[in-house]
Amino acid sequence: MYCRKAEEAHAHDDIEAVCRWTAKFNDRIYDSCEMPRLKEQIKTTQKYLRTFRFTSFKEATRTEQALKEHAEIIRLVEKKDYEGAALATSVHLRDAMQAYIRLWRQRKGKM
């Protein structure tokens, strides 16, 4: 559901809605871990994560790729392929960070 809603928002160029739905996706992942300490640590970084998400989603190709990555993570978790899901999550985070850095450098005129 989260991925579908985020895709619909992306189709309407609604970055804020994409960010809301991807945040809900991430919250669901955190909830499923049943790790209260992890959730508390994540809550302290939510503002940063939202800014990071919003910035990286300004790059249209990154938004499309992130939504595909989310769908793949869900598919792997549903298949109970937790190692695959962990790897897919690592790739997702790496790609998000690279997009963020690319946009930051463009903004700073370093590219």
N, C-alpha and C. Protein backbone atom coordinates (compact mmCIF):
# COMPACT_ATOMS: atom_id res chain seq x y z
N MET A 1 0.82 -1.18 0.00
CA MET A 1 0.00 0.00 0.00
C MET A 1 0.87 1.26 0.00
N TYR A 2 1.91 1.29 0.84
CA TYR A 2 2.75 2.49 0.95
C TYR A 2 3.41 2.81 -0.39
N CYS A 3 3.94 1.78 -1.04
CA CYS A 3 4.62 2.00 -2.31
C CYS A 3 3.65 2.50 -3.37
N ARG A 4 2.45 1.91 -3.41
CA ARG A 4 1.45 2.33 -4.40
C ARG A 4 1.07 3.79 -4.18
N LYS A 5 0.83 4.16 -2.93
CA LYS A 5 0.45 5.55 -2.61
C LYS A 5 1.59 6.52 -2.96
N ALA A 6 2.82 6.11 -2.68
CA ALA A 6 3.97 6.95 -3.01
C ALA A 6 4.11 7.10 -4.53
N GLU A 7 3.87 6.01 -5.26
CA GLU A 7 3.94 6.07 -6.72
C GLU A 7 2.87 7.00 -7.27
N GLU A 8 1.66 6.94 -6.70
CA GLU A 8 0.58 7.84 -7.14
C GLU A 8 0.97 9.30 -6.88
N ALA A 9 1.54 9.56 -5.72
CA ALA A 9 1.97 10.92 -5.40
C ALA A 9 3.06 11.38 -6.36
N HIS A 10 3.98 10.48 -6.67
CA HIS A 10 5.06 10.81 -7.60
C HIS A 10 4.49 11.13 -8.99
N ALA A 11 3.49 10.36 -9.42
CA ALA A 11 2.86 10.60 -10.72
C ALA A 11 2.22 11.99 -10.79
N HIS A 12 1.83 12.52 -9.62
CA HIS A 12 1.24 13.86 -9.56
C HIS A 12 2.26 14.93 -9.15
N ASP A 13 3.55 14.56 -9.17
CA ASP A 13 4.64 15.49 -8.79
C ASP A 13 4.43 16.10 -7.42
N ASP A 14 3.91 15.31 -6.49
CA ASP A 14 3.66 15.77 -5.12
C ASP A 14 4.76 15.22 -4.21
N ILE A 15 5.88 15.93 -4.16
CA ILE A 15 7.04 15.47 -3.40
C ILE A 15 6.71 15.32 -1.92
N GLU A 16 5.93 16.24 -1.38
CA GLU A 16 5.58 16.15 0.04
C GLU A 16 4.82 14.87 0.35
N ALA A 17 3.88 14.50 -0.52
CA ALA A 17 3.13 13.26 -0.31
C ALA A 17 4.03 12.04 -0.48
N VAL A 18 4.94 12.09 -1.45
CA VAL A 18 5.90 10.98 -1.61
C VAL A 18 6.68 10.82 -0.31
N CYS A 19 7.14 11.92 0.25
CA CYS A 19 7.91 11.87 1.50
C CYS A 19 7.06 11.30 2.64
N ARG A 20 5.80 11.72 2.72
CA ARG A 20 4.92 11.20 3.79
C ARG A 20 4.75 9.70 3.66
N TRP A 21 4.48 9.22 2.44
CA TRP A 21 4.25 7.78 2.26
C TRP A 21 5.52 6.97 2.46
N THR A 22 6.67 7.50 2.03
CA THR A 22 7.91 6.76 2.26
C THR A 22 8.26 6.76 3.75
N ALA A 23 7.93 7.82 4.46
CA ALA A 23 8.14 7.84 5.92
C ALA A 23 7.26 6.79 6.58
N LYS A 24 6.02 6.65 6.11
CA LYS A 24 5.13 5.62 6.66
C LYS A 24 5.66 4.23 6.35
N PHE A 25 6.23 4.06 5.16
CA PHE A 25 6.86 2.79 4.79
C PHE A 25 7.98 2.48 5.79
N ASN A 26 8.85 3.46 6.01
CA ASN A 26 9.96 3.25 6.94
C ASN A 26 9.47 2.98 8.36
N ASP A 27 8.46 3.71 8.80
CA ASP A 27 7.90 3.48 10.14
C ASP A 27 7.39 2.05 10.27
N ARG A 28 6.76 1.55 9.23
CA ARG A 28 6.24 0.17 9.26
C ARG A 28 7.39 -0.82 9.38
N ILE A 29 8.46 -0.57 8.67
CA ILE A 29 9.64 -1.44 8.77
C ILE A 29 10.19 -1.40 10.19
N TYR A 30 10.31 -0.20 10.77
CA TYR A 30 10.83 -0.07 12.13
C TYR A 30 9.92 -0.81 13.11
N ASP A 31 8.60 -0.66 12.95
CA ASP A 31 7.65 -1.33 13.84
C ASP A 31 7.78 -2.84 13.77
N SER A 32 7.99 -3.36 12.56
CA SER A 32 8.06 -4.81 12.40
C SER A 32 9.31 -5.41 13.04
N CYS A 33 10.31 -4.60 13.27
CA CYS A 33 11.55 -5.09 13.90
C CYS A 33 11.35 -5.42 15.37
N GLU A 34 10.34 -4.83 15.98
CA GLU A 34 10.08 -5.03 17.40
C GLU A 34 11.33 -4.76 18.24
N MET A 35 11.98 -3.65 17.94
CA MET A 35 13.19 -3.24 18.65
C MET A 35 12.97 -1.83 19.18
N PRO A 36 12.43 -1.70 20.39
CA PRO A 36 12.10 -0.38 20.93
C PRO A 36 13.28 0.59 20.98
N ARG A 37 14.46 0.11 21.29
CA ARG A 37 15.62 1.00 21.36
C ARG A 37 15.96 1.57 19.98
N LEU A 38 15.85 0.72 18.97
CA LEU A 38 16.09 1.18 17.61
C LEU A 38 15.08 2.26 17.23
N LYS A 39 13.81 2.01 17.54
CA LYS A 39 12.77 3.00 17.23
C LYS A 39 13.04 4.33 17.93
N GLU A 40 13.48 4.28 19.17
CA GLU A 40 13.78 5.52 19.90
C GLU A 40 14.93 6.27 19.25
N GLN A 41 15.96 5.54 18.85
CA GLN A 41 17.10 6.19 18.19
C GLN A 41 16.67 6.82 16.87
N ILE A 42 15.83 6.12 16.14
CA ILE A 42 15.36 6.63 14.86
C ILE A 42 14.51 7.88 15.06
N LYS A 43 13.68 7.89 16.09
CA LYS A 43 12.84 9.06 16.36
C LYS A 43 13.68 10.31 16.54
N THR A 44 14.85 10.16 17.14
CA THR A 44 15.69 11.33 17.38
C THR A 44 16.28 11.88 16.08
N THR A 45 16.31 11.07 15.04
CA THR A 45 16.87 11.52 13.77
C THR A 45 15.80 11.78 12.70
N GLN A 46 14.52 11.70 13.08
CA GLN A 46 13.45 11.85 12.09
C GLN A 46 13.50 13.17 11.32
N LYS A 47 13.78 14.26 11.99
CA LYS A 47 13.83 15.55 11.29
C LYS A 47 14.90 15.52 10.20
N TYR A 48 16.07 15.00 10.55
CA TYR A 48 17.14 14.88 9.57
C TYR A 48 16.72 13.97 8.42
N LEU A 49 16.12 12.84 8.75
CA LEU A 49 15.72 11.89 7.72
C LEU A 49 14.68 12.49 6.78
N ARG A 50 13.75 13.25 7.31
CA ARG A 50 12.74 13.89 6.46
C ARG A 50 13.39 14.90 5.52
N THR A 51 14.33 15.67 6.01
CA THR A 51 15.04 16.64 5.17
C THR A 51 15.83 15.92 4.08
N PHE A 52 16.50 14.85 4.47
CA PHE A 52 17.28 14.04 3.54
C PHE A 52 16.38 13.48 2.45
N ARG A 53 15.24 12.90 2.85
CA ARG A 53 14.28 12.33 1.90
C ARG A 53 13.78 13.40 0.93
N PHE A 54 13.33 14.51 1.49
CA PHE A 54 12.76 15.57 0.66
C PHE A 54 13.79 16.07 -0.35
N THR A 55 15.02 16.23 0.09
CA THR A 55 16.08 16.72 -0.81
C THR A 55 16.37 15.70 -1.90
N SER A 56 16.54 14.44 -1.55
CA SER A 56 16.89 13.44 -2.56
C SER A 56 15.75 13.22 -3.55
N PHE A 57 14.51 13.43 -3.12
CA PHE A 57 13.37 13.24 -4.02
C PHE A 57 13.18 14.39 -4.99
N LYS A 58 14.00 15.43 -4.88
CA LYS A 58 13.94 16.51 -5.87
C LYS A 58 14.52 16.03 -7.20
N GLU A 59 15.23 14.94 -7.16
CA GLU A 59 15.78 14.33 -8.37
C GLU A 59 14.78 13.25 -8.80
N ALA A 60 14.05 13.50 -9.89
CA ALA A 60 12.95 12.61 -10.31
C ALA A 60 13.39 11.16 -10.48
N THR A 61 14.56 10.95 -11.07
CA THR A 61 15.00 9.57 -11.27
C THR A 61 15.26 8.87 -9.95
N ARG A 62 15.71 9.63 -8.95
CA ARG A 62 15.95 9.04 -7.63
C ARG A 62 14.64 8.61 -6.99
N THR A 63 13.60 9.41 -7.16
CA THR A 63 12.30 9.06 -6.58
C THR A 63 11.82 7.74 -7.17
N GLU A 64 11.87 7.63 -8.50
CA GLU A 64 11.44 6.40 -9.16
C GLU A 64 12.26 5.21 -8.68
N GLN A 65 13.57 5.38 -8.58
CA GLN A 65 14.44 4.30 -8.13
C GLN A 65 14.14 3.92 -6.68
N ALA A 66 13.94 4.91 -5.82
CA ALA A 66 13.65 4.64 -4.41
C ALA A 66 12.36 3.84 -4.26
N LEU A 67 11.35 4.18 -5.05
CA LEU A 67 10.09 3.45 -4.96
C LEU A 67 10.27 1.99 -5.40
N LYS A 68 11.09 1.77 -6.43
CA LYS A 68 11.39 0.40 -6.86
C LYS A 68 12.15 -0.34 -5.76
N GLU A 69 13.09 0.35 -5.13
CA GLU A 69 13.87 -0.27 -4.05
C GLU A 69 12.96 -0.64 -2.88
N HIS A 70 12.01 0.22 -2.55
CA HIS A 70 11.06 -0.09 -1.46
C HIS A 70 10.26 -1.34 -1.80
N ALA A 71 9.77 -1.42 -3.04
CA ALA A 71 8.99 -2.59 -3.46
C ALA A 71 9.83 -3.86 -3.36
N GLU A 72 11.09 -3.77 -3.73
CA GLU A 72 11.99 -4.93 -3.65
C GLU A 72 12.23 -5.34 -2.20
N ILE A 73 12.42 -4.37 -1.33
CA ILE A 73 12.62 -4.68 0.10
C ILE A 73 11.40 -5.39 0.65
N ILE A 74 10.21 -4.89 0.33
CA ILE A 74 8.97 -5.54 0.79
C ILE A 74 8.89 -6.96 0.24
N ARG A 75 9.17 -7.13 -1.05
CA ARG A 75 9.11 -8.46 -1.67
C ARG A 75 10.03 -9.44 -0.94
N LEU A 76 11.23 -9.00 -0.63
CA LEU A 76 12.19 -9.88 0.03
C LEU A 76 11.77 -10.20 1.47
N VAL A 77 11.24 -9.22 2.18
CA VAL A 77 10.78 -9.46 3.55
C VAL A 77 9.61 -10.44 3.53
N GLU A 78 8.66 -10.24 2.61
CA GLU A 78 7.52 -11.14 2.51
C GLU A 78 7.96 -12.56 2.18
N LYS A 79 9.04 -12.68 1.42
CA LYS A 79 9.61 -13.98 1.06
C LYS A 79 10.46 -14.57 2.20
N LYS A 80 10.62 -13.77 3.25
CA LYS A 80 11.45 -14.12 4.41
C LYS A 80 12.93 -14.28 4.03
N ASP A 81 13.33 -13.55 3.00
CA ASP A 81 14.73 -13.50 2.60
C ASP A 81 15.35 -12.28 3.28
N TYR A 82 15.67 -12.46 4.56
CA TYR A 82 16.13 -11.32 5.36
C TYR A 82 17.53 -10.85 4.97
N GLU A 83 18.38 -11.77 4.55
CA GLU A 83 19.70 -11.35 4.08
C GLU A 83 19.57 -10.53 2.80
N GLY A 84 18.70 -10.98 1.91
CA GLY A 84 18.45 -10.23 0.68
C GLY A 84 17.85 -8.87 0.97
N ALA A 85 16.94 -8.82 1.94
CA ALA A 85 16.32 -7.55 2.33
C ALA A 85 17.35 -6.61 2.93
N ALA A 86 18.26 -7.16 3.73
CA ALA A 86 19.32 -6.33 4.32
C ALA A 86 20.23 -5.77 3.23
N LEU A 87 20.57 -6.60 2.26
CA LEU A 87 21.41 -6.14 1.15
C LEU A 87 20.67 -5.07 0.33
N ALA A 88 19.39 -5.32 0.03
CA ALA A 88 18.60 -4.35 -0.73
C ALA A 88 18.48 -3.03 0.03
N THR A 89 18.36 -3.11 1.35
CA THR A 89 18.29 -1.90 2.17
C THR A 89 19.61 -1.14 2.12
N SER A 90 20.72 -1.87 2.17
CA SER A 90 22.04 -1.23 2.08
C SER A 90 22.21 -0.51 0.75
N VAL A 91 21.80 -1.16 -0.32
CA VAL A 91 21.88 -0.54 -1.65
C VAL A 91 20.99 0.70 -1.70
N HIS A 92 19.80 0.58 -1.14
CA HIS A 92 18.85 1.70 -1.10
C HIS A 92 19.46 2.90 -0.36
N LEU A 93 20.04 2.66 0.79
CA LEU A 93 20.63 3.75 1.57
C LEU A 93 21.85 4.35 0.87
N ARG A 94 22.66 3.50 0.26
CA ARG A 94 23.83 3.99 -0.48
C ARG A 94 23.40 4.88 -1.64
N ASP A 95 22.41 4.42 -2.41
CA ASP A 95 21.94 5.19 -3.56
C ASP A 95 21.31 6.51 -3.12
N ALA A 96 20.57 6.48 -2.01
CA ALA A 96 19.96 7.71 -1.48
C ALA A 96 21.04 8.70 -1.07
N MET A 97 22.07 8.21 -0.41
CA MET A 97 23.15 9.08 0.03
C MET A 97 23.87 9.69 -1.18
N GLN A 98 24.12 8.88 -2.20
CA GLN A 98 24.80 9.39 -3.39
C GLN A 98 23.96 10.47 -4.08
N ALA A 99 22.65 10.26 -4.15
CA ALA A 99 21.76 11.27 -4.76
C ALA A 99 21.79 12.56 -3.95
N TYR A 100 21.76 12.42 -2.63
CA TYR A 100 21.78 13.59 -1.76
C TYR A 100 23.08 14.37 -1.95
N ILE A 101 24.20 13.67 -1.98
CA ILE A 101 25.50 14.33 -2.15
C ILE A 101 25.58 15.01 -3.52
N ARG A 102 25.08 14.34 -4.56
CA ARG A 102 25.06 14.93 -5.89
C ARG A 102 24.28 16.24 -5.90
N LEU A 103 23.10 16.22 -5.30
CA LEU A 103 22.28 17.43 -5.25
C LEU A 103 22.93 18.53 -4.40
N TRP A 104 23.54 18.13 -3.30
CA TRP A 104 24.21 19.09 -2.44
C TRP A 104 25.36 19.77 -3.19
N ARG A 105 26.14 18.97 -3.92
CA ARG A 105 27.26 19.54 -4.69
C ARG A 105 26.77 20.47 -5.79
N GLN A 106 25.68 20.09 -6.44
CA GLN A 106 25.10 20.96 -7.48
C GLN A 106 24.69 22.29 -6.87
N ARG A 107 24.07 22.21 -5.72
CA ARG A 107 23.62 23.42 -5.04
C ARG A 107 24.80 24.30 -4.63
N LYS A 108 25.89 23.67 -4.25
CA LYS A 108 27.08 24.41 -3.82
C LYS A 108 27.95 24.81 -5.01
N GLY A 109 27.55 24.39 -6.23
CA GLY A 109 28.30 24.75 -7.43
C GLY A 109 29.60 24.00 -7.58
N LYS A 110 29.67 22.80 -7.01
CA LYS A 110 30.92 22.03 -7.06
C LYS A 110 30.92 20.99 -8.17
N MET A 111 29.90 20.99 -9.00
CA MET A 111 29.88 20.01 -10.09
C MET A 111 30.00 20.70 -11.42
